[in-house]
Amino acid sequence: MYNESNKEHTVGLTTFRDIFDGNFNISFGYPRKDTCSCCDIMKSEISVLEDKITKASDEEIKTSLAVELNKKKAEKKIHLARSEKFYSIKRNCRKQSNKNEEIEAITVDYQKNLPTPNITTSDVYYRRQLNFISFNVHMLSESTSIFYTYDESVAKKGADDVCSMLKHYFEHILSPSVKHLVIFCDSCAGQNKNFTVMRFLHYMVDTLKRFETVKVVFPIRGHSYMEGDKDMSLINIKSYTETPDDWRDVIKNSRIKPSPFRVIDCAKEVKFETWTNFLSGIYVKKCPMQTRPIRVLKIDQKEPRFVIHKPNYFGSYLKAAFVVHQGKDKKKPQTPSQQNALGELYSGKLPIKAAKLKDLIHLKQFLTNPDSQAFYNSLVIAPQMNEGEEDDIEYADDPPIDEPQ
């Protein structure tokens, strides 16, 4: 645009950029979204204290407020130092994984549920929609990103589901040469940070010998931005979609460089298994340590009976015994025949609540693809309500509140 309006003084892009960046009082920053609640609280408290100090006339009150203000600033500084340490650990793991093929670091996280169908018809705002679920695994060394996708009629978002998808990733996608794995994930207790996932990782290391070490690093709450979040931000959540397959196409086309996203249809490729029940027959049922304070968790073949952990990124590790279940005589471990079998988690399609199914059938009439209509016809109604009872349901004028993830 500059060259078009100044044809006598045209310049190259580099020259224009240097002048634009260096000679004008213009700055750019990231839009602040989903900011840390702890940071926001401390920022508000500091601002209030500074205002009180300015307005206070008594020197003794000013001194007292100044002491409290310095204390709050020190707390904020420590909080930010801890969050920066998490990102520093992640950067170092990326460098190590680039240099050594036996080391790999990944980030894992669930994306926000996407509504299906996602259409323009106004009725969609007053009707319940099917949840489309995606679980992202991002490899730091190559920036390869995998999306495990399914809808709520296929599986849920519990610990067993996470273990099943991780097992598929370890067996079919992650290079067999990787012997030291570092996992970065948030602290969601129902999905990642729980006893089932910890036992699963210990089973991968100690029993299956898939890895020599596995380390899990949890971020400071509010400072958990990871590469998977960037991957998810590239997906246009306003895209017109009629079925889960349409969402898969949207994800596939959301990135070109460094490589397109790989999308896995869990209904076809992943076997969801009963890991909680299976592991209960091998390990003690009660977790030997509190999981909430843990920041770093490590499992090592050299320490087969323990899980090493620490409540912060600094300091030394603590040990927790993952004692293998003993038989009735408490001397011999259980034999494989005595242990719970690793079975299928879901026997078929999961039922949909009658009220939601009725809404989906209503929205089906606006879909243009006959295959899309057939998909919604194949959904199963929940057993809590007999078929036909949903006809008595009355709908509010306002759209229903989204179900929690």
Protein backbone atom coordinates (compact mmCIF):
# COMPACT_ATOMS: atom_id res chain seq x y z
CA MET A 1 0.00 0.00 0.00
CA TYR A 2 2.90 2.38 0.76
CA ASN A 3 4.57 1.64 -2.57
CA GLU A 4 1.30 2.15 -4.47
CA SER A 5 0.80 5.61 -2.98
CA ASN A 6 4.53 6.58 -3.17
CA LYS A 7 5.65 5.29 -6.55
CA GLU A 8 8.55 7.77 -6.70
CA HIS A 9 9.99 6.53 -3.37
CA THR A 10 9.33 2.80 -3.34
CA VAL A 11 11.24 0.69 -0.81
CA GLY A 12 11.79 -2.98 -0.10
CA LEU A 13 9.97 -4.90 2.62
CA THR A 14 13.03 -5.05 4.92
CA THR A 15 13.57 -1.28 4.76
CA PHE A 16 9.88 -0.59 5.35
CA ARG A 17 9.81 -2.97 8.32
CA ASP A 18 12.94 -1.42 9.90
CA ILE A 19 11.50 2.10 9.67
CA PHE A 20 8.04 1.00 10.81
CA ASP A 21 9.41 -0.89 13.83
CA GLY A 22 12.09 1.63 14.80
CA ASN A 23 10.79 5.10 13.98
CA PHE A 24 7.21 4.97 15.24
CA ASN A 25 5.84 4.78 18.76
CA ILE A 26 3.79 1.67 18.02
CA SER A 27 3.89 -1.59 19.93
CA PHE A 28 2.06 -4.87 19.64
CA GLY A 29 1.20 -7.41 22.32
CA TYR A 30 -0.71 -10.63 22.82
CA PRO A 31 -4.38 -10.18 23.69
CA ARG A 32 -4.89 -11.08 27.34
CA LYS A 33 -7.32 -13.97 27.59
CA ASP A 34 -7.74 -16.62 30.28
CA THR A 35 -5.33 -14.76 32.55
CA CYS A 36 -4.10 -16.34 35.79
CA SER A 37 -6.59 -15.87 38.65
CA CYS A 38 -3.78 -15.73 41.24
CA CYS A 39 -1.99 -13.01 39.28
CA ASP A 40 -5.22 -11.05 38.88
CA ILE A 41 -6.00 -11.27 42.61
CA MET A 42 -2.49 -10.16 43.60
CA LYS A 43 -2.55 -7.38 41.01
CA SER A 44 -5.84 -6.12 42.46
CA GLU A 45 -4.54 -6.32 46.05
CA ILE A 46 -1.33 -4.47 45.15
CA SER A 47 -3.30 -1.77 43.37
CA VAL A 48 -5.60 -1.30 46.38
CA LEU A 49 -2.64 -1.08 48.80
CA GLU A 50 -0.86 1.46 46.61
CA ASP A 51 -4.01 3.55 46.50
CA LYS A 52 -4.37 3.37 50.30
CA ILE A 53 -0.73 4.43 50.79
CA THR A 54 -1.27 7.44 48.52
CA LYS A 55 -4.36 8.56 50.42
CA ALA A 56 -3.09 7.79 53.96
CA SER A 57 -1.98 10.77 56.02
CA ASP A 58 -0.66 8.95 59.09
CA GLU A 59 2.99 7.83 58.69
CA GLU A 60 2.48 4.81 60.93
CA ILE A 61 -0.39 3.56 58.74
CA LYS A 62 1.71 4.21 55.63
CA THR A 63 4.56 2.12 57.05
CA SER A 64 2.21 -0.74 57.92
CA LEU A 65 0.66 -0.66 54.44
CA ALA A 66 4.12 -0.49 52.83
CA VAL A 67 5.17 -3.68 54.67
CA GLU A 68 2.04 -5.45 53.47
CA LEU A 69 2.61 -4.15 49.94
CA ASN A 70 6.19 -5.48 49.84
CA LYS A 71 4.92 -8.83 51.08
CA LYS A 72 2.34 -9.02 48.27
CA LYS A 73 4.94 -8.05 45.65
CA ALA A 74 7.27 -10.76 46.96
CA GLU A 75 4.46 -13.35 46.72
CA LYS A 76 3.76 -12.33 43.14
CA LYS A 77 7.45 -12.50 42.26
CA ILE A 78 7.72 -16.03 43.66
CA HIS A 79 4.56 -17.09 41.83
CA LEU A 80 5.90 -15.78 38.51
CA ALA A 81 9.31 -17.38 39.15
CA ARG A 82 7.62 -20.76 39.60
CA SER A 83 5.63 -20.36 36.40
CA GLU A 84 8.75 -19.33 34.47
CA LYS A 85 10.56 -22.40 35.80
CA PHE A 86 7.91 -24.63 34.19
CA TYR A 87 8.51 -23.02 30.79
CA SER A 88 12.28 -23.28 31.33
CA ILE A 89 11.97 -27.03 31.97
CA LYS A 90 9.90 -27.40 28.81
CA ARG A 91 12.45 -25.49 26.71
CA ASN A 92 15.30 -27.64 28.01
CA CYS A 93 13.36 -30.83 27.27
CA ARG A 94 12.76 -29.66 23.71
CA LYS A 95 16.50 -29.07 23.21
CA GLN A 96 17.39 -32.47 24.64
CA SER A 97 14.82 -34.27 22.47
CA ASN A 98 16.25 -32.57 19.37
CA LYS A 99 19.74 -33.83 20.20
CA ASN A 100 18.98 -37.36 21.41
CA GLU A 101 16.58 -39.77 19.71
CA GLU A 102 16.14 -41.72 22.95
CA ILE A 103 14.58 -38.67 24.64
CA GLU A 104 11.19 -37.22 23.75
CA ALA A 105 8.90 -34.64 25.31
CA ILE A 106 5.18 -34.29 24.61
CA THR A 107 2.32 -32.09 25.78
CA VAL A 108 -1.16 -33.56 26.19
CA ASP A 109 -4.46 -31.80 26.72
CA TYR A 110 -8.16 -31.95 25.90
CA GLN A 111 -9.64 -29.31 23.65
CA LYS A 112 -12.84 -27.56 24.58
CA ASN A 113 -15.84 -29.62 23.46
CA LEU A 114 -17.10 -28.58 20.03
CA PRO A 115 -20.86 -28.53 19.28
CA THR A 116 -22.21 -30.89 16.63
CA PRO A 117 -23.96 -30.00 14.40
CA ASN A 118 -22.52 -26.49 14.17
CA ILE A 119 -24.90 -24.87 11.72
CA THR A 120 -26.23 -21.38 11.03
CA THR A 121 -29.94 -22.10 11.62
CA SER A 122 -31.26 -20.02 14.52
CA ASP A 123 -32.85 -23.10 16.16
CA VAL A 124 -29.36 -24.31 17.09
CA TYR A 125 -29.14 -21.70 19.87
CA TYR A 126 -32.10 -23.23 21.68
CA ARG A 127 -31.21 -26.88 21.26
CA ARG A 128 -28.70 -29.22 22.84
CA GLN A 129 -25.92 -30.45 20.58
CA LEU A 130 -23.65 -33.46 20.52
CA ASN A 131 -20.20 -32.94 22.08
CA PHE A 132 -17.27 -33.51 19.75
CA ILE A 133 -14.18 -34.30 21.85
CA SER A 134 -10.52 -34.07 20.85
CA PHE A 135 -7.40 -35.04 22.80
CA ASN A 136 -4.21 -33.41 21.56
CA VAL A 137 -0.70 -34.89 21.80
CA HIS A 138 2.06 -32.53 20.62
CA MET A 139 5.62 -33.80 20.12
CA LEU A 140 8.09 -31.05 21.04
CA SER A 141 11.06 -32.30 19.02
CA GLU A 142 9.29 -32.26 15.64
CA SER A 143 6.20 -30.11 16.39
CA THR A 144 4.12 -33.09 15.23
CA SER A 145 0.57 -32.84 16.52
CA ILE A 146 -1.96 -35.66 16.86
CA PHE A 147 -5.67 -35.18 17.56
CA TYR A 148 -7.54 -38.16 18.99
CA THR A 149 -11.17 -37.43 18.19
CA TYR A 150 -14.54 -38.91 19.10
CA ASP A 151 -18.03 -37.82 20.05
CA GLU A 152 -19.85 -38.45 23.31
CA SER A 153 -21.57 -41.55 21.92
CA VAL A 154 -18.15 -43.24 21.56
CA ALA A 155 -16.33 -42.54 24.85
CA LYS A 156 -16.01 -40.16 27.79
CA LYS A 157 -13.17 -38.03 29.19
CA GLY A 158 -12.03 -40.07 32.19
CA ALA A 159 -8.73 -41.57 33.29
CA ASP A 160 -9.37 -44.86 31.46
CA ASP A 161 -9.98 -42.97 28.20
CA VAL A 162 -6.72 -41.02 28.62
CA CYS A 163 -4.74 -44.21 29.35
CA SER A 164 -6.20 -45.94 26.29
CA MET A 165 -5.25 -43.09 23.95
CA LEU A 166 -1.76 -42.79 25.46
CA LYS A 167 -1.25 -46.53 25.00
CA HIS A 168 -2.20 -46.20 21.32
CA TYR A 169 0.23 -43.30 20.98
CA PHE A 170 3.07 -45.22 22.62
CA GLU A 171 2.51 -48.32 20.49
CA HIS A 172 1.68 -46.88 17.07
CA ILE A 173 3.03 -43.32 16.81
CA LEU A 174 5.91 -42.70 19.20
CA SER A 175 9.24 -44.01 17.91
CA PRO A 176 10.35 -47.31 19.54
CA SER A 177 13.78 -45.73 20.03
CA VAL A 178 12.37 -43.37 22.69
CA LYS A 179 13.37 -44.66 26.13
CA HIS A 180 13.04 -41.48 28.19
CA LEU A 181 9.71 -39.68 27.96
CA VAL A 182 8.69 -36.34 29.50
CA ILE A 183 4.97 -35.48 29.57
CA PHE A 184 3.68 -31.94 30.16
CA CYS A 185 0.01 -31.73 31.08
CA ASP A 186 -2.38 -29.76 33.27
CA SER A 187 -3.51 -30.85 36.73
CA CYS A 188 -7.06 -31.94 35.91
CA ALA A 189 -7.72 -34.66 38.48
CA GLY A 190 -10.38 -36.47 36.46
CA GLN A 191 -8.19 -36.80 33.36
CA ASN A 192 -4.43 -36.51 33.86
CA LYS A 193 -3.44 -36.10 37.49
CA ASN A 194 -4.87 -39.20 39.14
CA PHE A 195 -3.84 -42.58 40.52
CA THR A 196 -5.01 -44.51 37.45
CA VAL A 197 -2.73 -42.59 35.05
CA MET A 198 0.19 -42.82 37.50
CA ARG A 199 -0.24 -46.60 37.80
CA PHE A 200 -0.59 -46.87 34.02
CA LEU A 201 2.73 -45.06 33.46
CA HIS A 202 4.39 -47.21 36.14
CA TYR A 203 3.02 -50.30 34.36
CA MET A 204 4.51 -49.05 31.05
CA VAL A 205 7.93 -48.64 32.68
CA ASP A 206 8.13 -51.47 35.19
CA THR A 207 6.09 -54.28 33.62
CA LEU A 208 6.03 -53.69 29.86
CA LYS A 209 9.53 -52.10 29.83
CA ARG A 210 8.39 -49.65 27.14
CA PHE A 211 10.42 -46.83 28.70
CA GLU A 212 13.39 -46.60 31.04
CA THR A 213 12.04 -43.42 32.62
CA VAL A 214 8.86 -41.38 32.42
CA LYS A 215 8.60 -37.91 33.93
CA VAL A 216 5.37 -35.92 34.22
CA VAL A 217 5.58 -32.14 34.79
CA PHE A 218 2.52 -30.17 35.90
CA PRO A 219 2.38 -26.38 35.41
CA ILE A 220 1.44 -23.66 37.87
CA ARG A 221 -2.30 -23.03 37.63
CA GLY A 222 -3.03 -20.12 35.31
CA HIS A 223 0.35 -20.48 33.58
CA SER A 224 -0.30 -23.70 31.69
CA TYR A 225 -0.01 -22.40 28.12
CA MET A 226 1.50 -25.18 26.02
CA GLU A 227 2.08 -26.00 22.37
CA GLY A 228 -1.20 -27.90 22.24
CA ASP A 229 -3.06 -24.67 23.02
CA LYS A 230 -1.48 -23.07 19.96
CA ASP A 231 -2.54 -26.06 17.85
CA MET A 232 -6.12 -25.76 19.10
CA SER A 233 -6.21 -22.01 18.42
CA LEU A 234 -5.63 -22.73 14.70
CA ILE A 235 -8.92 -24.62 14.48
CA ASN A 236 -11.80 -22.48 13.28
CA ILE A 237 -14.48 -23.33 15.85
CA LYS A 238 -17.07 -21.38 13.83
CA SER A 239 -16.80 -23.75 10.87
CA TYR A 240 -20.01 -25.17 9.43
CA THR A 241 -20.15 -28.83 10.43
CA GLU A 242 -22.93 -31.40 10.41
CA THR A 243 -21.19 -34.49 11.84
CA PRO A 244 -18.03 -35.41 13.76
CA ASP A 245 -16.37 -36.32 10.44
CA ASP A 246 -16.83 -32.71 9.33
CA TRP A 247 -14.93 -31.54 12.41
CA ARG A 248 -12.16 -33.99 11.57
CA ASP A 249 -11.86 -32.44 8.11
CA VAL A 250 -11.69 -28.98 9.67
CA ILE A 251 -8.85 -30.06 11.98
CA LYS A 252 -6.93 -31.74 9.15
CA ASN A 253 -7.01 -28.54 7.10
CA SER A 254 -6.17 -26.20 10.00
CA ARG A 255 -2.38 -26.38 9.62
CA ILE A 256 0.09 -26.85 6.77
CA LYS A 257 3.50 -26.07 8.30
CA PRO A 258 5.55 -27.67 9.76
CA SER A 259 3.17 -30.56 9.03
CA PRO A 260 -0.61 -30.99 8.84
CA PHE A 261 -2.40 -32.21 11.93
CA ARG A 262 -2.91 -35.95 12.09
CA VAL A 263 -6.46 -36.81 13.07
CA ILE A 264 -7.37 -40.18 14.54
CA ASP A 265 -10.94 -41.44 14.69
CA CYS A 266 -10.98 -43.22 18.05
CA ALA A 267 -14.10 -45.19 17.17
CA LYS A 268 -12.11 -46.95 14.44
CA GLU A 269 -8.50 -46.99 15.68
CA VAL A 270 -8.42 -46.84 19.49
CA LYS A 271 -9.51 -49.58 21.87
CA PHE A 272 -10.82 -48.07 25.11
CA GLU A 273 -9.94 -50.43 27.95
CA THR A 274 -10.71 -50.82 31.66
CA TRP A 275 -7.36 -49.67 33.01
CA THR A 276 -8.61 -48.69 36.48
CA ASN A 277 -10.07 -52.14 37.11
CA PHE A 278 -7.04 -53.89 35.57
CA LEU A 279 -4.45 -51.92 37.57
CA SER A 280 -6.39 -52.45 40.80
CA GLY A 281 -5.46 -56.11 40.53
CA ILE A 282 -1.75 -55.27 40.37
CA TYR A 283 -1.22 -52.21 42.57
CA VAL A 284 -2.64 -51.05 45.87
CA LYS A 285 -6.00 -49.37 45.42
CA LYS A 286 -5.19 -46.32 47.56
CA CYS A 287 -2.66 -43.78 46.32
CA PRO A 288 0.32 -43.66 48.74
CA MET A 289 0.77 -39.87 48.43
CA GLN A 290 -1.33 -36.76 47.96
CA THR A 291 -1.55 -35.99 44.24
CA ARG A 292 -2.71 -32.37 44.41
CA PRO A 293 0.62 -30.82 45.58
CA ILE A 294 2.74 -32.76 43.06
CA ARG A 295 4.57 -30.66 40.45
CA VAL A 296 6.99 -33.29 39.11
CA LEU A 297 6.45 -37.04 38.97
CA LYS A 298 9.09 -39.53 37.87
CA ILE A 299 9.03 -43.28 37.27
CA ASP A 300 12.34 -45.10 36.77
CA GLN A 301 13.16 -48.75 36.05
CA LYS A 302 15.96 -48.44 38.60
CA GLU A 303 13.32 -47.78 41.30
CA PRO A 304 10.71 -50.45 40.40
CA ARG A 305 8.70 -50.24 43.63
CA PHE A 306 8.55 -46.47 43.88
CA VAL A 307 7.21 -43.35 42.25
CA ILE A 308 9.48 -40.35 42.79
CA HIS A 309 7.82 -36.96 43.15
CA LYS A 310 8.27 -33.42 44.49
CA PRO A 311 5.83 -30.61 45.34
CA ASN A 312 7.79 -27.94 43.44
CA TYR A 313 10.27 -27.62 40.58
CA PHE A 314 13.14 -27.01 42.98
CA GLY A 315 14.54 -29.20 45.74
CA SER A 316 14.90 -32.94 46.07
CA TYR A 317 12.56 -35.81 45.21
CA LEU A 318 10.41 -37.75 47.64
CA LYS A 319 9.61 -41.47 47.30
CA ALA A 320 6.22 -43.17 47.45
CA ALA A 321 5.95 -46.95 47.42
CA PHE A 322 3.69 -48.40 44.73
CA VAL A 323 3.52 -51.77 46.49
CA VAL A 324 2.36 -54.60 44.26
CA HIS A 325 -0.74 -56.40 45.55
CA GLN A 326 -0.01 -59.50 47.57
CA GLY A 327 -1.99 -62.73 47.63
CA LYS A 328 -4.06 -63.91 50.60
CA ASP A 329 -0.95 -65.26 52.32
CA LYS A 330 0.67 -61.78 51.91
CA LYS A 331 3.89 -63.40 50.75
CA LYS A 332 3.45 -64.04 47.07
CA PRO A 333 2.16 -61.54 44.49
CA GLN A 334 -1.00 -62.37 42.64
CA THR A 335 -0.66 -64.59 39.60
CA PRO A 336 -1.89 -63.33 36.20
CA SER A 337 -4.99 -65.53 36.53
CA GLN A 338 -5.85 -63.85 39.84
CA GLN A 339 -5.52 -60.34 38.41
CA ASN A 340 -8.40 -58.47 36.80
CA ALA A 341 -8.51 -58.81 33.03
CA LEU A 342 -7.97 -55.82 30.76
CA GLY A 343 -11.33 -55.64 29.00
CA GLU A 344 -13.26 -53.23 26.81
CA LEU A 345 -14.39 -50.08 28.56
CA TYR A 346 -17.53 -49.65 26.44
CA SER A 347 -19.57 -52.48 24.96
CA GLY A 348 -21.17 -50.35 22.25
CA LYS A 349 -22.45 -46.87 21.53
CA LEU A 350 -22.96 -44.77 24.63
CA PRO A 351 -26.58 -43.67 25.13
CA ILE A 352 -27.57 -40.03 24.72
CA LYS A 353 -29.98 -38.38 27.14
CA ALA A 354 -33.49 -38.35 25.76
CA ALA A 355 -33.85 -34.56 25.90
CA LYS A 356 -30.62 -34.03 23.99
CA LEU A 357 -31.47 -36.75 21.47
CA LYS A 358 -34.81 -35.07 20.79
CA ASP A 359 -33.00 -31.79 20.10
CA LEU A 360 -30.57 -33.53 17.76
CA ILE A 361 -33.39 -35.17 15.84
CA HIS A 362 -35.01 -31.73 15.53
CA LEU A 363 -31.78 -30.20 14.17
CA LYS A 364 -31.36 -33.10 11.77
CA GLN A 365 -34.00 -31.63 9.44
CA PHE A 366 -31.70 -28.69 8.64
CA LEU A 367 -28.81 -30.86 7.45
CA THR A 368 -28.16 -31.11 3.73
CA ASN A 369 -26.18 -34.35 3.64
CA PRO A 370 -28.24 -37.58 3.81
CA ASP A 371 -25.30 -39.32 5.54
CA SER A 372 -25.45 -36.69 8.28
CA GLN A 373 -29.09 -37.48 8.94
CA ALA A 374 -28.29 -41.20 9.05
CA PHE A 375 -25.61 -40.54 11.67
CA TYR A 376 -28.10 -38.94 14.08
CA ASN A 377 -30.61 -41.70 13.43
CA SER A 378 -27.99 -44.21 14.65
CA LEU A 379 -27.64 -42.62 18.11
CA VAL A 380 -28.93 -44.58 21.09
CA ILE A 381 -31.35 -43.20 23.67
CA ALA A 382 -30.38 -43.33 27.35
CA PRO A 383 -32.09 -46.08 29.37
CA GLN A 384 -33.09 -43.66 32.18
CA MET A 385 -36.06 -42.55 30.10
CA ASN A 386 -38.22 -44.83 28.03
CA GLU A 387 -38.70 -44.10 24.39
CA GLY A 388 -41.71 -41.80 23.96
CA GLU A 389 -41.33 -40.08 27.36
CA GLU A 390 -39.15 -37.41 25.77
CA ASP A 391 -42.27 -36.09 24.02
CA ASP A 392 -43.44 -34.67 27.35
CA ILE A 393 -40.33 -32.51 27.79
CA GLU A 394 -40.92 -28.76 27.63
CA TYR A 395 -38.16 -26.52 26.36
CA ALA A 396 -37.24 -23.15 27.83
CA ASP A 397 -37.07 -20.06 25.66
CA ASP A 398 -33.38 -19.64 26.54
CA PRO A 399 -30.72 -22.00 25.19
CA PRO A 400 -29.61 -24.75 27.61
CA ILE A 401 -26.44 -24.26 29.60
CA ASP A 402 -23.44 -26.16 28.20
CA GLU A 403 -22.60 -29.33 30.07
CA PRO A 404 -19.35 -29.23 32.06
CA GLN A 405 -16.35 -30.91 30.47
